[in-house]
Amino acid sequence: MSADTTFKGVIFAFICFAAYSFSDAAVKMVEGRVPAFEAGFIGSLFGFLAIPFLMKRGDRYTDLVRSTNWPLWGLRFVCSAVGTVGSIIAFTQLSMAEAFCLIFLLPSFATIMSVIFLKEEVGMKRWAAVLIGFLGVLVVLRPGFRELEIGHLAALISGFAGAVTIIIFRAMGPQEKNISLYGAGLLGSVIICAAFSLPDFQAPDSYDLMLLAAFGLLAAVGNIFMMLASFYAPAPIVGPIQYSQMLWAILLGYLVFGDKVDWPMGIGIVLIVGSGLLTLIRERKRDTPLPPPVAGKTDAALAIKPEDSEARRAGD
């Protein structure tokens, strides 16, 4: 792969994660005026627009509801809705930087679950990364010194749901089509959020509807650019770029929402981001042909998950 091609992939990855960050800022601007399940339902509807761009040769629209492992497909269905609603609550109630801090604990959750469910061997360096991540969360939360909110729990739940999704990808492997897993996540968010929001559904005003449309459209755009990034650059290069979202969180939080990052949160951010990067470095050294942890928008991991044809090419 040439340097020019890789550079193009890196640029696409930065655009992808910028789109994700602006998507999160859009839903934060709703400021809770629209219930989380309703916001998740409306925003997720725009995910259908990305389907034609994410489909690969040989994919059919029926593959959205086709699977080689229905129990794991169903778990992905549920986790997507949980992660979507959790992140909406977190961004609504917390500063963007603080929400990202807690959601970015995803790699640590994924490491622990890979040992429990996938029976992976984890060395001292990866366990050290997990401990650093949890230490960073303690520094950010400062339990006993500040009041904790439902948003903190929602962010942790969102990160945990994202980690479960990553483990599902790893467990199902290249035999499961990416478009099927995308369908599970998209339909899960739409159907579950609709089921919980429709009984008390009230149409948002035009301003909030515009923000929710931006929330959904920017997430769909991010998925498309992630697919392009993964086409031009290898996953070990694309993966760490996700942490540019933290820079966007700090910048948007300061300019748009008036958020400030105090020194304990700054230390926590460094620890959590460092933990995630250490995990990604270890995955690269182990040459694991699987998607790296992607915080907040787990659909992005599908773009760098190998499928059968790609796996065969890698082995040639």
Protein backbone atom coordinates (compact mmCIF):
# COMPACT_ATOMS: atom_id res chain seq x y z
CA MET A 1 0.00 0.00 0.00
CA SER A 2 1.60 3.30 -1.12
CA ALA A 3 2.27 6.25 1.16
CA ASP A 4 -0.11 8.44 -0.89
CA THR A 5 -2.91 5.89 -0.53
CA THR A 6 -2.33 5.54 3.21
CA PHE A 7 -2.29 9.32 3.62
CA LYS A 8 -5.66 9.49 1.85
CA GLY A 9 -7.01 6.89 4.27
CA VAL A 10 -5.73 8.88 7.25
CA ILE A 11 -7.47 12.03 5.97
CA PHE A 12 -10.73 10.12 5.52
CA ALA A 13 -10.39 8.75 9.08
CA PHE A 14 -9.96 12.24 10.53
CA ILE A 15 -13.06 13.38 8.60
CA CYS A 16 -14.95 10.34 9.89
CA PHE A 17 -14.22 11.01 13.55
CA ALA A 18 -14.87 14.73 13.13
CA ALA A 19 -18.31 13.84 11.73
CA TYR A 20 -18.95 11.57 14.71
CA SER A 21 -17.93 14.35 17.12
CA PHE A 22 -20.20 16.93 15.47
CA SER A 23 -22.98 14.31 15.53
CA ASP A 24 -22.61 14.02 19.30
CA ALA A 25 -22.52 17.81 19.63
CA ALA A 26 -25.79 18.05 17.68
CA VAL A 27 -27.63 15.72 20.03
CA LYS A 28 -26.15 17.53 23.03
CA MET A 29 -27.61 20.80 21.70
CA VAL A 30 -31.08 19.26 22.05
CA GLU A 31 -30.39 19.54 25.80
CA GLY A 32 -32.88 16.88 26.80
CA ARG A 33 -35.91 18.59 25.28
CA VAL A 34 -36.54 15.36 23.36
CA PRO A 35 -36.57 12.11 25.39
CA ALA A 36 -33.51 9.91 24.81
CA PHE A 37 -35.42 7.01 23.24
CA GLU A 38 -37.24 9.36 20.86
CA ALA A 39 -33.98 11.09 19.94
CA GLY A 40 -32.39 7.70 19.35
CA PHE A 41 -35.28 6.61 17.16
CA ILE A 42 -35.27 9.72 14.97
CA GLY A 43 -31.49 9.85 14.69
CA SER A 44 -31.16 6.16 13.89
CA LEU A 45 -33.59 6.42 10.98
CA PHE A 46 -30.93 8.29 9.03
CA GLY A 47 -28.69 5.24 9.30
CA PHE A 48 -30.66 3.72 6.43
CA LEU A 49 -29.13 6.33 4.11
CA ALA A 50 -25.66 4.82 4.58
CA ILE A 51 -26.67 1.29 3.56
CA PRO A 52 -26.06 1.64 -0.23
CA PHE A 53 -22.56 2.98 0.46
CA LEU A 54 -21.67 0.22 2.95
CA MET A 55 -22.81 -2.73 0.84
CA LYS A 56 -20.07 -4.72 -0.84
CA ARG A 57 -20.06 -6.87 -3.94
CA GLY A 58 -22.42 -9.79 -3.45
CA ASP A 59 -24.37 -8.15 -0.61
CA ARG A 60 -28.15 -8.01 -0.79
CA TYR A 61 -30.63 -5.97 1.19
CA THR A 62 -32.00 -9.21 2.65
CA ASP A 63 -28.59 -9.72 4.29
CA LEU A 64 -29.57 -7.00 6.75
CA VAL A 65 -31.78 -9.58 8.46
CA ARG A 66 -29.72 -12.69 7.74
CA SER A 67 -27.19 -14.23 10.12
CA THR A 68 -24.99 -17.24 10.77
CA ASN A 69 -25.54 -16.86 14.52
CA TRP A 70 -28.94 -15.52 15.55
CA PRO A 71 -28.29 -15.31 19.32
CA LEU A 72 -25.26 -13.05 18.77
CA TRP A 73 -27.10 -11.11 16.06
CA GLY A 74 -29.90 -10.52 18.57
CA LEU A 75 -27.43 -9.44 21.25
CA ARG A 76 -25.95 -6.94 18.81
CA PHE A 77 -29.54 -5.77 18.10
CA VAL A 78 -30.09 -4.99 21.80
CA CYS A 79 -26.62 -3.58 22.55
CA SER A 80 -26.91 -1.07 19.74
CA ALA A 81 -30.04 0.48 21.27
CA VAL A 82 -28.52 0.45 24.76
CA GLY A 83 -25.35 2.13 23.51
CA THR A 84 -27.27 4.73 21.49
CA VAL A 85 -29.57 5.75 24.34
CA GLY A 86 -26.73 5.66 26.87
CA SER A 87 -24.57 7.98 24.79
CA ILE A 88 -27.47 10.41 24.22
CA ILE A 89 -28.14 10.64 27.97
CA ALA A 90 -24.42 11.03 28.66
CA PHE A 91 -23.88 13.84 26.15
CA THR A 92 -27.06 15.56 27.30
CA GLN A 93 -26.11 15.63 30.99
CA LEU A 94 -22.30 15.79 30.94
CA SER A 95 -19.68 17.90 29.23
CA MET A 96 -18.52 16.40 25.94
CA ALA A 97 -15.03 15.73 27.30
CA GLU A 98 -16.36 13.98 30.40
CA ALA A 99 -18.80 11.86 28.40
CA PHE A 100 -16.06 10.80 26.01
CA CYS A 101 -13.75 9.98 28.93
CA LEU A 102 -16.18 7.42 30.28
CA ILE A 103 -17.26 6.00 26.92
CA PHE A 104 -13.60 5.59 25.97
CA LEU A 105 -13.33 3.01 28.74
CA LEU A 106 -14.64 0.65 26.03
CA PRO A 107 -11.20 -0.89 25.26
CA SER A 108 -10.74 -1.87 28.91
CA PHE A 109 -14.17 -3.51 29.01
CA ALA A 110 -13.39 -5.29 25.73
CA THR A 111 -10.10 -6.64 27.10
CA ILE A 112 -11.78 -8.06 30.20
CA MET A 113 -14.59 -9.67 28.19
CA SER A 114 -12.14 -11.11 25.65
CA VAL A 115 -10.58 -13.09 28.49
CA ILE A 116 -13.92 -14.25 29.90
CA PHE A 117 -15.79 -15.08 26.70
CA LEU A 118 -13.15 -15.57 24.00
CA LYS A 119 -10.55 -17.18 26.27
CA GLU A 120 -7.86 -14.87 24.94
CA GLU A 121 -4.54 -14.73 26.70
CA VAL A 122 -3.84 -11.25 28.03
CA GLY A 123 -0.36 -10.29 29.16
CA MET A 124 0.77 -7.88 31.83
CA LYS A 125 0.97 -4.92 29.44
CA ARG A 126 -2.67 -5.22 28.40
CA TRP A 127 -3.77 -5.68 32.02
CA ALA A 128 -1.71 -2.59 32.88
CA ALA A 129 -3.61 -0.71 30.16
CA VAL A 130 -6.91 -1.79 31.74
CA LEU A 131 -5.81 -0.61 35.20
CA ILE A 132 -4.63 2.71 33.77
CA GLY A 133 -8.02 3.18 32.11
CA PHE A 134 -9.95 2.54 35.31
CA LEU A 135 -7.58 4.80 37.24
CA GLY A 136 -8.30 7.54 34.70
CA VAL A 137 -12.04 7.10 35.26
CA LEU A 138 -11.59 7.41 39.03
CA VAL A 139 -9.61 10.62 38.52
CA VAL A 140 -12.37 12.03 36.26
CA LEU A 141 -15.25 10.98 38.52
CA ARG A 142 -13.57 11.70 41.87
CA PRO A 143 -16.18 9.70 43.83
CA GLY A 144 -16.74 11.15 47.28
CA PHE A 145 -15.57 14.59 46.16
CA ARG A 146 -18.33 15.42 43.68
CA GLU A 147 -21.91 14.45 43.01
CA LEU A 148 -22.30 11.71 40.41
CA GLU A 149 -25.19 11.91 37.94
CA ILE A 150 -27.21 9.49 35.85
CA GLY A 151 -25.16 10.73 32.90
CA HIS A 152 -22.02 9.14 34.35
CA LEU A 153 -23.74 5.77 34.62
CA ALA A 154 -25.22 6.15 31.13
CA ALA A 155 -21.76 6.83 29.65
CA LEU A 156 -20.30 3.75 31.33
CA ILE A 157 -23.23 1.63 30.13
CA SER A 158 -22.75 2.96 26.60
CA GLY A 159 -19.06 2.04 26.71
CA PHE A 160 -19.88 -1.40 28.08
CA ALA A 161 -22.49 -2.01 25.37
CA GLY A 162 -19.94 -0.97 22.76
CA ALA A 163 -17.43 -3.42 24.20
CA VAL A 164 -19.99 -6.23 24.03
CA THR A 165 -20.52 -5.36 20.38
CA ILE A 166 -16.77 -5.59 19.68
CA ILE A 167 -16.68 -9.03 21.34
CA ILE A 168 -19.64 -10.08 19.18
CA PHE A 169 -17.70 -9.04 16.07
CA ARG A 170 -14.73 -11.09 17.23
CA ALA A 171 -16.80 -14.11 18.15
CA MET A 172 -18.71 -14.19 14.86
CA GLY A 173 -15.55 -13.66 12.83
CA PRO A 174 -15.24 -13.12 9.08
CA GLN A 175 -18.01 -15.60 8.21
CA GLU A 176 -20.66 -13.06 9.22
CA LYS A 177 -21.28 -10.35 6.64
CA ASN A 178 -20.63 -6.81 7.78
CA ILE A 179 -23.93 -5.65 6.31
CA SER A 180 -25.75 -8.19 8.50
CA LEU A 181 -24.13 -6.83 11.66
CA TYR A 182 -24.85 -3.28 10.51
CA GLY A 183 -28.47 -4.30 9.99
CA ALA A 184 -28.65 -5.76 13.50
CA GLY A 185 -27.37 -2.53 15.01
CA LEU A 186 -29.48 -0.22 12.89
CA LEU A 187 -32.71 -2.17 13.30
CA GLY A 188 -32.05 -2.62 17.01
CA SER A 189 -31.73 1.12 17.57
CA VAL A 190 -34.75 1.95 15.42
CA ILE A 191 -37.13 -0.74 16.70
CA ILE A 192 -36.23 -0.71 20.40
CA CYS A 193 -36.10 3.09 20.61
CA ALA A 194 -39.42 3.28 18.75
CA ALA A 195 -41.04 0.77 21.09
CA PHE A 196 -40.05 2.79 24.17
CA SER A 197 -40.77 6.21 22.69
CA LEU A 198 -44.01 5.75 20.76
CA PRO A 199 -46.39 5.50 23.78
CA ASP A 200 -45.56 9.11 24.79
CA PHE A 201 -44.24 10.33 21.44
CA GLN A 202 -44.50 14.07 20.82
CA ALA A 203 -43.16 15.51 17.61
CA PRO A 204 -40.15 17.77 18.30
CA ASP A 205 -40.23 21.36 17.09
CA SER A 206 -38.46 22.27 13.85
CA TYR A 207 -35.23 23.34 15.57
CA ASP A 208 -34.85 20.12 17.57
CA LEU A 209 -35.82 18.06 14.53
CA MET A 210 -33.04 19.77 12.58
CA LEU A 211 -30.55 18.93 15.33
CA LEU A 212 -31.67 15.30 15.44
CA ALA A 213 -31.41 15.12 11.66
CA ALA A 214 -27.83 16.44 11.93
CA PHE A 215 -27.17 13.87 14.67
CA GLY A 216 -28.27 11.02 12.43
CA LEU A 217 -26.89 12.31 9.12
CA LEU A 218 -23.44 13.07 10.50
CA ALA A 219 -23.24 9.60 12.06
CA ALA A 220 -24.16 8.08 8.69
CA VAL A 221 -21.55 10.26 6.95
CA GLY A 222 -18.99 9.13 9.51
CA ASN A 223 -19.73 5.48 8.73
CA ILE A 224 -19.22 6.11 5.01
CA PHE A 225 -15.90 7.90 5.54
CA MET A 226 -14.76 5.13 7.87
CA MET A 227 -15.40 2.63 5.08
CA LEU A 228 -13.32 4.80 2.73
CA ALA A 229 -10.57 5.16 5.33
CA SER A 230 -10.35 1.41 5.83
CA PHE A 231 -10.13 0.89 2.08
CA TYR A 232 -7.08 3.12 1.73
CA ALA A 233 -5.27 2.60 5.06
CA PRO A 234 -4.70 -0.46 7.29
CA ALA A 235 -6.69 -0.82 10.51
CA PRO A 236 -3.67 -0.35 12.84
CA ILE A 237 -3.26 3.15 11.39
CA VAL A 238 -6.97 4.02 11.28
CA GLY A 239 -7.80 2.79 14.80
CA PRO A 240 -5.79 5.25 16.93
CA ILE A 241 -7.21 8.21 15.00
CA GLN A 242 -10.46 7.67 16.90
CA TYR A 243 -8.86 9.53 19.82
CA SER A 244 -9.01 12.73 17.79
CA GLN A 245 -12.62 12.75 19.02
CA MET A 246 -11.33 13.80 22.42
CA LEU A 247 -9.73 16.90 20.91
CA TRP A 248 -12.99 17.73 19.16
CA ALA A 249 -14.86 17.15 22.44
CA ILE A 250 -12.65 19.65 24.27
CA LEU A 251 -12.81 22.20 21.44
CA LEU A 252 -16.57 21.95 20.82
CA GLY A 253 -17.26 21.81 24.54
CA TYR A 254 -15.37 25.05 25.06
CA LEU A 255 -16.59 26.97 22.00
CA VAL A 256 -20.23 25.82 21.84
CA PHE A 257 -21.20 24.78 25.36
CA GLY A 258 -18.83 26.78 27.54
CA ASP A 259 -17.35 23.62 29.10
CA LYS A 260 -13.99 23.78 30.83
CA VAL A 261 -11.51 20.99 31.51
CA ASP A 262 -10.02 21.23 35.01
CA TRP A 263 -6.67 19.65 35.84
CA PRO A 264 -8.05 16.39 37.36
CA MET A 265 -10.13 15.80 34.23
CA GLY A 266 -7.10 16.61 32.09
CA ILE A 267 -5.08 13.97 33.93
CA GLY A 268 -7.94 11.50 33.57
CA ILE A 269 -8.16 12.17 29.83
CA VAL A 270 -4.45 11.47 29.42
CA LEU A 271 -4.73 8.22 31.40
CA ILE A 272 -7.82 6.96 29.55
CA VAL A 273 -6.54 7.85 26.09
CA GLY A 274 -3.16 6.34 26.97
CA SER A 275 -4.89 3.16 28.11
CA GLY A 276 -6.78 2.87 24.82
CA LEU A 277 -3.69 3.52 22.73
CA LEU A 278 -1.71 0.90 24.67
CA THR A 279 -4.46 -1.62 23.98
CA LEU A 280 -4.43 -0.81 20.26
CA ILE A 281 -0.63 -1.10 20.14
CA ARG A 282 -0.79 -4.52 21.76
CA GLU A 283 -3.46 -5.63 19.27
CA ARG A 284 -1.21 -4.49 16.43
CA LYS A 285 1.81 -6.38 17.76
CA ARG A 286 -0.30 -9.52 18.14
CA ASP A 287 -1.37 -9.07 14.48
CA THR A 288 -5.01 -9.60 15.38
CA PRO A 289 -7.07 -9.42 12.15
CA LEU A 290 -10.03 -7.92 14.00
CA PRO A 291 -11.48 -4.43 14.42
CA PRO A 292 -9.92 -2.20 17.05
CA PRO A 293 -12.16 -0.82 19.77
CA VAL A 294 -14.12 2.16 18.47
CA ALA A 295 -15.71 4.24 21.18
CA GLY A 296 -19.15 5.71 20.83
CA LYS A 297 -19.88 4.65 17.24
CA THR A 298 -19.35 0.89 17.09
CA ASP A 299 -20.71 0.72 13.53
CA ALA A 300 -17.36 2.17 12.51
CA ALA A 301 -15.69 -1.07 13.55
CA LEU A 302 -17.63 -2.88 10.83
CA ALA A 303 -15.74 -0.98 8.16
CA ILE A 304 -12.46 -2.52 9.31
CA LYS A 305 -13.75 -5.99 10.15
CA PRO A 306 -12.42 -8.51 7.59
CA GLU A 307 -14.88 -10.67 5.69
CA ASP A 308 -14.23 -14.07 4.11
CA SER A 309 -12.89 -12.76 0.80
CA GLU A 310 -10.64 -10.25 2.55
CA ALA A 311 -9.40 -12.86 5.00
CA ARG A 312 -8.50 -15.16 2.13
CA ARG A 313 -6.60 -12.38 0.38
CA ALA A 314 -4.68 -11.67 3.57
CA GLY A 315 -3.65 -15.31 3.76
CA ASP A 316 -2.51 -15.52 0.13
